[in-house]
Amino acid sequence: MVSNLTQINVFEDQINHENIFMGSHDFFHIYGLAFLVHFVIIKGASCVILCKFKFELETFCRIIQDYKVNIAPIVPPIIWLLVNKINLIKVLAIV
């Protein structure tokens, strides 16, 4: 929880209703619950939630483009796939 709160503090002043998050974490996981559910709601931002348990890069990339996601908290294996497959110039942060 301490590391999650520290991560939230880094972004707190920059997050508002204009931000669109990518919700690709499991919400039974404490990071997914604390950051992607509670923090996003408190700040009035939006969160596009992936509902499939199997990750598909094409679907993930399409959702980023279609919904104009600008903050995507994702895990290192997905980051590796993205930097090799997609132009990330419009993404504000990858955590």
PDB file of N, CA and C in Angstrom:
ATOM      1  N   MET A   1       0.818  -1.190   0.000  1.00  0.00           N
ATOM      2  CA  MET A   1       0.000   0.000   0.000  1.00  0.00           C
ATOM      3  C   MET A   1       0.862   1.254   0.000  1.00  0.00           C
ATOM      4  N   VAL A   2       1.987   1.245   0.715  1.00  0.00           N
ATOM      5  CA  VAL A   2       2.846   2.427   0.779  1.00  0.00           C
ATOM      6  C   VAL A   2       3.366   2.775  -0.608  1.00  0.00           C
ATOM      7  N   SER A   3       3.818   1.775  -1.355  1.00  0.00           N
ATOM      8  CA  SER A   3       4.324   2.060  -2.702  1.00  0.00           C
ATOM      9  C   SER A   3       3.206   2.544  -3.620  1.00  0.00           C
ATOM     10  N   ASN A   4       2.001   2.019  -3.467  1.00  0.00           N
ATOM     11  CA  ASN A   4       0.865   2.492  -4.267  1.00  0.00           C
ATOM     12  C   ASN A   4       0.542   3.941  -3.953  1.00  0.00           C
ATOM     13  N   LEU A   5       0.543   4.308  -2.687  1.00  0.00           N
ATOM     14  CA  LEU A   5       0.272   5.693  -2.302  1.00  0.00           C
ATOM     15  C   LEU A   5       1.364   6.634  -2.799  1.00  0.00           C
ATOM     16  N   THR A   6       2.612   6.170  -2.789  1.00  0.00           N
ATOM     17  CA  THR A   6       3.713   6.977  -3.310  1.00  0.00           C
ATOM     18  C   THR A   6       3.539   7.216  -4.806  1.00  0.00           C
ATOM     19  N   GLN A   7       3.149   6.203  -5.547  1.00  0.00           N
ATOM     20  CA  GLN A   7       2.896   6.364  -6.978  1.00  0.00           C
ATOM     21  C   GLN A   7       1.760   7.339  -7.226  1.00  0.00           C
ATOM     22  N   ILE A   8       0.733   7.272  -6.427  1.00  0.00           N
ATOM     23  CA  ILE A   8      -0.404   8.174  -6.572  1.00  0.00           C
ATOM     24  C   ILE A   8       0.021   9.613  -6.304  1.00  0.00           C
ATOM     25  N   ASN A   9       0.860   9.836  -5.294  1.00  0.00           N
ATOM     26  CA  ASN A   9       1.312  11.188  -4.971  1.00  0.00           C
ATOM     27  C   ASN A   9       2.066  11.840  -6.120  1.00  0.00           C
ATOM     28  N   VAL A  10       2.799  11.064  -6.892  1.00  0.00           N
ATOM     29  CA  VAL A  10       3.543  11.603  -8.030  1.00  0.00           C
ATOM     30  C   VAL A  10       2.595  12.211  -9.056  1.00  0.00           C
ATOM     31  N   PHE A  11       1.448  11.585  -9.276  1.00  0.00           N
ATOM     32  CA  PHE A  11       0.502  12.020 -10.301  1.00  0.00           C
ATOM     33  C   PHE A  11      -0.618  12.922  -9.794  1.00  0.00           C
ATOM     34  N   GLU A  12      -0.804  13.002  -8.497  1.00  0.00           N
ATOM     35  CA  GLU A  12      -2.015  13.602  -7.942  1.00  0.00           C
ATOM     36  C   GLU A  12      -2.341  14.988  -8.496  1.00  0.00           C
ATOM     37  N   ASP A  13      -1.377  15.876  -8.582  1.00  0.00           N
ATOM     38  CA  ASP A  13      -1.642  17.236  -9.055  1.00  0.00           C
ATOM     39  C   ASP A  13      -1.900  17.307 -10.557  1.00  0.00           C
ATOM     40  N   GLN A  14      -1.487  16.304 -11.301  1.00  0.00           N
ATOM     41  CA  GLN A  14      -1.622  16.313 -12.756  1.00  0.00           C
ATOM     42  C   GLN A  14      -2.900  15.640 -13.250  1.00  0.00           C
ATOM     43  N   ILE A  15      -3.592  14.913 -12.400  1.00  0.00           N
ATOM     44  CA  ILE A  15      -4.761  14.140 -12.818  1.00  0.00           C
ATOM     45  C   ILE A  15      -6.029  14.942 -12.578  1.00  0.00           C
ATOM     46  N   ASN A  16      -6.890  14.961 -13.601  1.00  0.00           N
ATOM     47  CA  ASN A  16      -8.185  15.638 -13.480  1.00  0.00           C
ATOM     48  C   ASN A  16      -9.197  14.947 -14.387  1.00  0.00           C
ATOM     49  N   HIS A  17     -10.333  15.570 -14.571  1.00  0.00           N
ATOM     50  CA  HIS A  17     -11.427  14.972 -15.352  1.00  0.00           C
ATOM     51  C   HIS A  17     -11.090  14.784 -16.832  1.00  0.00           C
ATOM     52  N   GLU A  18     -10.022  15.403 -17.308  1.00  0.00           N
ATOM     53  CA  GLU A  18      -9.651  15.276 -18.723  1.00  0.00           C
ATOM     54  C   GLU A  18      -8.845  14.015 -19.013  1.00  0.00           C
ATOM     55  N   ASN A  19      -8.311  13.368 -17.986  1.00  0.00           N
ATOM     56  CA  ASN A  19      -7.481  12.189 -18.180  1.00  0.00           C
ATOM     57  C   ASN A  19      -8.321  10.940 -18.422  1.00  0.00           C
ATOM     58  N   ILE A  20      -7.765  10.055 -19.257  1.00  0.00           N
ATOM     59  CA  ILE A  20      -8.410   8.778 -19.548  1.00  0.00           C
ATOM     60  C   ILE A  20      -7.389   7.675 -19.273  1.00  0.00           C
ATOM     61  N   PHE A  21      -7.692   6.842 -18.299  1.00  0.00           N
ATOM     62  CA  PHE A  21      -6.813   5.755 -17.889  1.00  0.00           C
ATOM     63  C   PHE A  21      -7.176   4.470 -18.624  1.00  0.00           C
ATOM     64  N   MET A  22      -6.186   3.593 -18.768  1.00  0.00           N
ATOM     65  CA  MET A  22      -6.414   2.250 -19.283  1.00  0.00           C
ATOM     66  C   MET A  22      -6.460   1.307 -18.091  1.00  0.00           C
ATOM     67  N   GLY A  23      -7.569   0.643 -17.881  1.00  0.00           N
ATOM     68  CA  GLY A  23      -7.716  -0.306 -16.775  1.00  0.00           C
ATOM     69  C   GLY A  23      -7.449  -1.716 -17.243  1.00  0.00           C
ATOM     70  N   SER A  24      -6.185  -2.110 -17.235  1.00  0.00           N
ATOM     71  CA  SER A  24      -5.844  -3.449 -17.712  1.00  0.00           C
ATOM     72  C   SER A  24      -5.415  -4.379 -16.582  1.00  0.00           C
ATOM     73  N   HIS A  25      -5.387  -3.884 -15.344  1.00  0.00           N
ATOM     74  CA  HIS A  25      -5.017  -4.713 -14.189  1.00  0.00           C
ATOM     75  C   HIS A  25      -6.244  -5.409 -13.622  1.00  0.00           C
ATOM     76  N   ASP A  26      -5.982  -6.464 -12.903  1.00  0.00           N
ATOM     77  CA  ASP A  26      -7.063  -7.154 -12.194  1.00  0.00           C
ATOM     78  C   ASP A  26      -7.471  -6.316 -10.988  1.00  0.00           C
ATOM     79  N   PHE A  27      -8.763  -6.163 -10.767  1.00  0.00           N
ATOM     80  CA  PHE A  27      -9.226  -5.329  -9.672  1.00  0.00           C
ATOM     81  C   PHE A  27      -9.254  -6.055  -8.332  1.00  0.00           C
ATOM     82  N   PHE A  28      -8.966  -7.353  -8.305  1.00  0.00           N
ATOM     83  CA  PHE A  28      -8.795  -8.038  -7.033  1.00  0.00           C
ATOM     84  C   PHE A  28      -7.374  -7.839  -6.525  1.00  0.00           C
ATOM     85  N   HIS A  29      -6.494  -7.320  -7.354  1.00  0.00           N
ATOM     86  CA  HIS A  29      -5.124  -6.989  -7.005  1.00  0.00           C
ATOM     87  C   HIS A  29      -5.143  -5.601  -6.360  1.00  0.00           C
ATOM     88  N   ILE A  30      -4.377  -5.371  -5.306  1.00  0.00           N
ATOM     89  CA  ILE A  30      -4.453  -4.121  -4.548  1.00  0.00           C
ATOM     90  C   ILE A  30      -4.108  -2.906  -5.402  1.00  0.00           C
ATOM     91  N   TYR A  31      -3.161  -3.038  -6.337  1.00  0.00           N
ATOM     92  CA  TYR A  31      -2.822  -1.902  -7.196  1.00  0.00           C
ATOM     93  C   TYR A  31      -4.001  -1.540  -8.085  1.00  0.00           C
ATOM     94  N   GLY A  32      -4.610  -2.534  -8.679  1.00  0.00           N
ATOM     95  CA  GLY A  32      -5.770  -2.274  -9.530  1.00  0.00           C
ATOM     96  C   GLY A  32      -6.900  -1.622  -8.760  1.00  0.00           C
ATOM     97  N   LEU A  33      -7.128  -2.082  -7.555  1.00  0.00           N
ATOM     98  CA  LEU A  33      -8.204  -1.523  -6.739  1.00  0.00           C
ATOM     99  C   LEU A  33      -7.871  -0.112  -6.257  1.00  0.00           C
ATOM    100  N   ALA A  34      -6.688   0.072  -5.669  1.00  0.00           N
ATOM    101  CA  ALA A  34      -6.327   1.366  -5.080  1.00  0.00           C
ATOM    102  C   ALA A  34      -6.129   2.441  -6.135  1.00  0.00           C
ATOM    103  N   PHE A  35      -5.425   2.123  -7.187  1.00  0.00           N
ATOM    104  CA  PHE A  35      -5.078   3.140  -8.177  1.00  0.00           C
ATOM    105  C   PHE A  35      -6.150   3.306  -9.239  1.00  0.00           C
ATOM    106  N   LEU A  36      -6.509   2.224  -9.887  1.00  0.00           N
ATOM    107  CA  LEU A  36      -7.399   2.325 -11.045  1.00  0.00           C
ATOM    108  C   LEU A  36      -8.867   2.497 -10.700  1.00  0.00           C
ATOM    109  N   VAL A  37      -9.257   2.116  -9.515  1.00  0.00           N
ATOM    110  CA  VAL A  37     -10.657   2.307  -9.141  1.00  0.00           C
ATOM    111  C   VAL A  37     -10.795   3.529  -8.238  1.00  0.00           C
ATOM    112  N   HIS A  38     -10.185   3.485  -7.074  1.00  0.00           N
ATOM    113  CA  HIS A  38     -10.376   4.559  -6.101  1.00  0.00           C
ATOM    114  C   HIS A  38      -9.798   5.892  -6.568  1.00  0.00           C
ATOM    115  N   PHE A  39      -8.546   5.920  -6.976  1.00  0.00           N
ATOM    116  CA  PHE A  39      -7.894   7.176  -7.350  1.00  0.00           C
ATOM    117  C   PHE A  39      -8.560   7.823  -8.556  1.00  0.00           C
ATOM    118  N   VAL A  40      -8.865   7.036  -9.565  1.00  0.00           N
ATOM    119  CA  VAL A  40      -9.502   7.572 -10.774  1.00  0.00           C
ATOM    120  C   VAL A  40     -10.859   8.189 -10.437  1.00  0.00           C
ATOM    121  N   ILE A  41     -11.631   7.535  -9.602  1.00  0.00           N
ATOM    122  CA  ILE A  41     -12.943   8.066  -9.213  1.00  0.00           C
ATOM    123  C   ILE A  41     -12.784   9.349  -8.399  1.00  0.00           C
ATOM    124  N   ILE A  42     -11.878   9.354  -7.442  1.00  0.00           N
ATOM    125  CA  ILE A  42     -11.662  10.535  -6.602  1.00  0.00           C
ATOM    126  C   ILE A  42     -11.267  11.744  -7.447  1.00  0.00           C
ATOM    127  N   LYS A  43     -10.440  11.539  -8.459  1.00  0.00           N
ATOM    128  CA  LYS A  43      -9.969  12.642  -9.298  1.00  0.00           C
ATOM    129  C   LYS A  43     -10.943  13.005 -10.415  1.00  0.00           C
ATOM    130  N   GLY A  44     -12.005  12.251 -10.591  1.00  0.00           N
ATOM    131  CA  GLY A  44     -12.996  12.549 -11.618  1.00  0.00           C
ATOM    132  C   GLY A  44     -12.546  12.199 -13.024  1.00  0.00           C
ATOM    133  N   ALA A  45     -11.521  11.376 -13.138  1.00  0.00           N
ATOM    134  CA  ALA A  45     -11.016  10.960 -14.446  1.00  0.00           C
ATOM    135  C   ALA A  45     -11.854   9.791 -14.974  1.00  0.00           C
ATOM    136  N   SER A  46     -11.569   9.391 -16.197  1.00  0.00           N
ATOM    137  CA  SER A  46     -12.248   8.246 -16.808  1.00  0.00           C
ATOM    138  C   SER A  46     -11.297   7.058 -16.839  1.00  0.00           C
ATOM    139  N   CYS A  47     -11.866   5.858 -16.891  1.00  0.00           N
ATOM    140  CA  CYS A  47     -11.056   4.651 -16.979  1.00  0.00           C
ATOM    141  C   CYS A  47     -11.719   3.682 -17.950  1.00  0.00           C
ATOM    142  N   VAL A  48     -11.006   3.334 -18.998  1.00  0.00           N
ATOM    143  CA  VAL A  48     -11.476   2.330 -19.950  1.00  0.00           C
ATOM    144  C   VAL A  48     -10.988   0.985 -19.423  1.00  0.00           C
ATOM    145  N   ILE A  49     -11.911   0.074 -19.164  1.00  0.00           N
ATOM    146  CA  ILE A  49     -11.577  -1.194 -18.525  1.00  0.00           C
ATOM    147  C   ILE A  49     -11.614  -2.332 -19.541  1.00  0.00           C
ATOM    148  N   LEU A  50     -10.520  -3.088 -19.590  1.00  0.00           N
ATOM    149  CA  LEU A  50     -10.479  -4.290 -20.419  1.00  0.00           C
ATOM    150  C   LEU A  50     -11.165  -5.408 -19.659  1.00  0.00           C
ATOM    151  N   CYS A  51     -12.124  -6.053 -20.273  1.00  0.00           N
ATOM    152  CA  CYS A  51     -12.882  -7.080 -19.555  1.00  0.00           C
ATOM    153  C   CYS A  51     -12.429  -8.498 -19.869  1.00  0.00           C
ATOM    154  N   LYS A  52     -11.504  -8.675 -20.784  1.00  0.00           N
ATOM    155  CA  LYS A  52     -11.027 -10.020 -21.101  1.00  0.00           C
ATOM    156  C   LYS A  52      -9.868 -10.393 -20.195  1.00  0.00           C
ATOM    157  N   PHE A  53      -9.790 -11.669 -19.839  1.00  0.00           N
ATOM    158  CA  PHE A  53      -8.683 -12.136 -19.019  1.00  0.00           C
ATOM    159  C   PHE A  53      -7.449 -12.432 -19.870  1.00  0.00           C
ATOM    160  N   LYS A  54      -7.640 -12.711 -21.141  1.00  0.00           N
ATOM    161  CA  LYS A  54      -6.523 -12.976 -22.037  1.00  0.00           C
ATOM    162  C   LYS A  54      -6.112 -11.670 -22.714  1.00  0.00           C
ATOM    163  N   PHE A  55      -4.845 -11.295 -22.574  1.00  0.00           N
ATOM    164  CA  PHE A  55      -4.362 -10.056 -23.168  1.00  0.00           C
ATOM    165  C   PHE A  55      -4.184 -10.226 -24.667  1.00  0.00           C
ATOM    166  N   GLU A  56      -4.724  -9.285 -25.435  1.00  0.00           N
ATOM    167  CA  GLU A  56      -4.556  -9.253 -26.889  1.00  0.00           C
ATOM    168  C   GLU A  56      -4.028  -7.879 -27.264  1.00  0.00           C
ATOM    169  N   LEU A  57      -2.812  -7.830 -27.804  1.00  0.00           N
ATOM    170  CA  LEU A  57      -2.151  -6.568 -28.121  1.00  0.00           C
ATOM    171  C   LEU A  57      -2.964  -5.713 -29.085  1.00  0.00           C
ATOM    172  N   GLU A  58      -3.549  -6.335 -30.102  1.00  0.00           N
ATOM    173  CA  GLU A  58      -4.320  -5.585 -31.093  1.00  0.00           C
ATOM    174  C   GLU A  58      -5.515  -4.885 -30.451  1.00  0.00           C
ATOM    175  N   THR A  59      -6.217  -5.586 -29.574  1.00  0.00           N
ATOM    176  CA  THR A  59      -7.364  -5.001 -28.868  1.00  0.00           C
ATOM    177  C   THR A  59      -6.898  -3.877 -27.957  1.00  0.00           C
ATOM    178  N   PHE A  60      -5.835  -4.103 -27.233  1.00  0.00           N
ATOM    179  CA  PHE A  60      -5.274  -3.102 -26.332  1.00  0.00           C
ATOM    180  C   PHE A  60      -4.924  -1.821 -27.098  1.00  0.00           C
ATOM    181  N   CYS A  61      -4.239  -1.962 -28.222  1.00  0.00           N
ATOM    182  CA  CYS A  61      -3.840  -0.804 -29.035  1.00  0.00           C
ATOM    183  C   CYS A  61      -5.051  -0.084 -29.624  1.00  0.00           C
ATOM    184  N   ARG A  62      -6.027  -0.834 -30.069  1.00  0.00           N
ATOM    185  CA  ARG A  62      -7.237  -0.223 -30.639  1.00  0.00           C
ATOM    186  C   ARG A  62      -7.978   0.592 -29.592  1.00  0.00           C
ATOM    187  N   ILE A  63      -8.060   0.068 -28.377  1.00  0.00           N
ATOM    188  CA  ILE A  63      -8.741   0.785 -27.297  1.00  0.00           C
ATOM    189  C   ILE A  63      -7.994   2.072 -26.954  1.00  0.00           C
ATOM    190  N   ILE A  64      -6.670   2.036 -26.911  1.00  0.00           N
ATOM    191  CA  ILE A  64      -5.885   3.250 -26.655  1.00  0.00           C
ATOM    192  C   ILE A  64      -6.206   4.313 -27.697  1.00  0.00           C
ATOM    193  N   GLN A  65      -6.272   3.929 -28.958  1.00  0.00           N
ATOM    194  CA  GLN A  65      -6.572   4.885 -30.031  1.00  0.00           C
ATOM    195  C   GLN A  65      -8.023   5.334 -30.006  1.00  0.00           C
ATOM    196  N   ASP A  66      -8.952   4.406 -29.900  1.00  0.00           N
ATOM    197  CA  ASP A  66     -10.382   4.736 -29.967  1.00  0.00           C
ATOM    198  C   ASP A  66     -10.830   5.639 -28.825  1.00  0.00           C
ATOM    199  N   TYR A  67     -10.327   5.383 -27.625  1.00  0.00           N
ATOM    200  CA  TYR A  67     -10.763   6.139 -26.447  1.00  0.00           C
ATOM    201  C   TYR A  67      -9.788   7.245 -26.052  1.00  0.00           C
ATOM    202  N   LYS A  68      -8.707   7.410 -26.837  1.00  0.00           N
ATOM    203  CA  LYS A  68      -7.700   8.439 -26.579  1.00  0.00           C
ATOM    204  C   LYS A  68      -7.129   8.345 -25.157  1.00  0.00           C
ATOM    205  N   VAL A  69      -6.775   7.132 -24.776  1.00  0.00           N
ATOM    206  CA  VAL A  69      -6.183   6.876 -23.462  1.00  0.00           C
ATOM    207  C   VAL A  69      -4.856   7.625 -23.370  1.00  0.00           C
ATOM    208  N   ASN A  70      -4.664   8.383 -22.277  1.00  0.00           N
ATOM    209  CA  ASN A  70      -3.396   9.101 -22.129  1.00  0.00           C
ATOM    210  C   ASN A  70      -2.598   8.676 -20.894  1.00  0.00           C
ATOM    211  N   ILE A  71      -3.150   7.788 -20.073  1.00  0.00           N
ATOM    212  CA  ILE A  71      -2.388   7.218 -18.959  1.00  0.00           C
ATOM    213  C   ILE A  71      -2.683   5.716 -18.915  1.00  0.00           C
ATOM    214  N   ALA A  72      -1.611   4.929 -19.036  1.00  0.00           N
ATOM    215  CA  ALA A  72      -1.779   3.483 -19.111  1.00  0.00           C
ATOM    216  C   ALA A  72      -0.868   2.787 -18.105  1.00  0.00           C
ATOM    217  N   PRO A  73      -1.359   2.506 -16.896  1.00  0.00           N
ATOM    218  CA  PRO A  73      -0.552   1.751 -15.939  1.00  0.00           C
ATOM    219  C   PRO A  73      -0.505   0.278 -16.359  1.00  0.00           C
ATOM    220  N   ILE A  74       0.637  -0.171 -16.838  1.00  0.00           N
ATOM    221  CA  ILE A  74       0.750  -1.531 -17.368  1.00  0.00           C
ATOM    222  C   ILE A  74       2.021  -2.199 -16.859  1.00  0.00           C
ATOM    223  N   VAL A  75       2.108  -3.487 -17.058  1.00  0.00           N
ATOM    224  CA  VAL A  75       3.240  -4.284 -16.583  1.00  0.00           C
ATOM    225  C   VAL A  75       4.342  -4.334 -17.643  1.00  0.00           C
ATOM    226  N   PRO A  76       5.603  -4.597 -17.222  1.00  0.00           N
ATOM    227  CA  PRO A  76       6.735  -4.590 -18.151  1.00  0.00           C
ATOM    228  C   PRO A  76       6.582  -5.445 -19.415  1.00  0.00           C
ATOM    229  N   PRO A  77       6.028  -6.662 -19.368  1.00  0.00           N
ATOM    230  CA  PRO A  77       5.900  -7.423 -20.618  1.00  0.00           C
ATOM    231  C   PRO A  77       5.012  -6.729 -21.662  1.00  0.00           C
ATOM    232  N   ILE A  78       3.978  -6.028 -21.202  1.00  0.00           N
ATOM    233  CA  ILE A  78       3.114  -5.298 -22.138  1.00  0.00           C
ATOM    234  C   ILE A  78       3.848  -4.075 -22.674  1.00  0.00           C
ATOM    235  N   ILE A  79       4.629  -3.407 -21.827  1.00  0.00           N
ATOM    236  CA  ILE A  79       5.425  -2.261 -22.280  1.00  0.00           C
ATOM    237  C   ILE A  79       6.365  -2.702 -23.394  1.00  0.00           C
ATOM    238  N   TRP A  80       7.029  -3.830 -23.197  1.00  0.00           N
ATOM    239  CA  TRP A  80       7.956  -4.331 -24.206  1.00  0.00           C
ATOM    240  C   TRP A  80       7.241  -4.560 -25.541  1.00  0.00           C
ATOM    241  N   LEU A  81       6.055  -5.177 -25.489  1.00  0.00           N
ATOM    242  CA  LEU A  81       5.280  -5.398 -26.713  1.00  0.00           C
ATOM    243  C   LEU A  81       4.900  -4.076 -27.376  1.00  0.00           C
ATOM    244  N   LEU A  82       4.477  -3.115 -26.575  1.00  0.00           N
ATOM    245  CA  LEU A  82       4.023  -1.836 -27.120  1.00  0.00           C
ATOM    246  C   LEU A  82       5.138  -1.046 -27.794  1.00  0.00           C
ATOM    247  N   VAL A  83       6.297  -0.964 -27.164  1.00  0.00           N
ATOM    248  CA  VAL A  83       7.373  -0.161 -27.751  1.00  0.00           C
ATOM    249  C   VAL A  83       7.888  -0.763 -29.047  1.00  0.00           C
ATOM    250  N   ASN A  84       7.624  -2.024 -29.257  1.00  0.00           N
ATOM    251  CA  ASN A  84       8.040  -2.667 -30.498  1.00  0.00           C
ATOM    252  C   ASN A  84       6.946  -2.710 -31.559  1.00  0.00           C
ATOM    253  N   LYS A  85       5.710  -2.299 -31.214  1.00  0.00           N
ATOM    254  CA  LYS A  85       4.591  -2.449 -32.148  1.00  0.00           C
ATOM    255  C   LYS A  85       3.792  -1.176 -32.410  1.00  0.00           C
ATOM    256  N   ILE A  86       3.878  -0.149 -31.559  1.00  0.00           N
ATOM    257  CA  ILE A  86       2.957   0.980 -31.667  1.00  0.00           C
ATOM    258  C   ILE A  86       3.671   2.304 -31.400  1.00  0.00           C
ATOM    259  N   ASN A  87       3.168   3.367 -32.002  1.00  0.00           N
ATOM    260  CA  ASN A  87       3.651   4.717 -31.769  1.00  0.00           C
ATOM    261  C   ASN A  87       2.986   5.246 -30.495  1.00  0.00           C
ATOM    262  N   LEU A  88       3.765   5.534 -29.476  1.00  0.00           N
ATOM    263  CA  LEU A  88       3.227   5.948 -28.176  1.00  0.00           C
ATOM    264  C   LEU A  88       3.352   7.450 -27.921  1.00  0.00           C
ATOM    265  N   ILE A  89       3.488   8.244 -28.951  1.00  0.00           N
ATOM    266  CA  ILE A  89       3.741   9.675 -28.786  1.00  0.00           C
ATOM    267  C   ILE A  89       2.642  10.417 -28.026  1.00  0.00           C
ATOM    268  N   LYS A  90       1.392   9.976 -28.087  1.00  0.00           N
ATOM    269  CA  LYS A  90       0.276  10.660 -27.419  1.00  0.00           C
ATOM    270  C   LYS A  90       0.059  10.195 -25.978  1.00  0.00           C
ATOM    271  N   VAL A  91       0.738   9.139 -25.555  1.00  0.00           N
ATOM    272  CA  VAL A  91       0.560   8.616 -24.202  1.00  0.00           C
ATOM    273  C   VAL A  91       1.328   9.500 -23.222  1.00  0.00           C
ATOM    274  N   LEU A  92       0.631  10.008 -22.219  1.00  0.00           N
ATOM    275  CA  LEU A  92       1.225  10.897 -21.221  1.00  0.00           C
ATOM    276  C   LEU A  92       2.140  10.145 -20.263  1.00  0.00           C
ATOM    277  N   ALA A  93       1.718   8.965 -19.837  1.00  0.00           N
ATOM    278  CA  ALA A  93       2.515   8.218 -18.866  1.00  0.00           C
ATOM    279  C   ALA A  93       2.241   6.727 -18.994  1.00  0.00           C
ATOM    280  N   ILE A  94       3.295   5.955 -18.813  1.00  0.00           N
ATOM    281  CA  ILE A  94       3.172   4.505 -18.692  1.00  0.00           C
ATOM    282  C   ILE A  94       3.817   4.150 -17.370  1.00  0.00           C
ATOM    283  N   VAL A  95       3.029   3.552 -16.473  1.00  0.00           N
ATOM    284  CA  VAL A  95       3.501   3.280 -15.116  1.00  0.00           C
ATOM    285  C   VAL A  95       3.612   1.785 -14.909  1.00  0.00           C
TER     286      VAL A  95
END
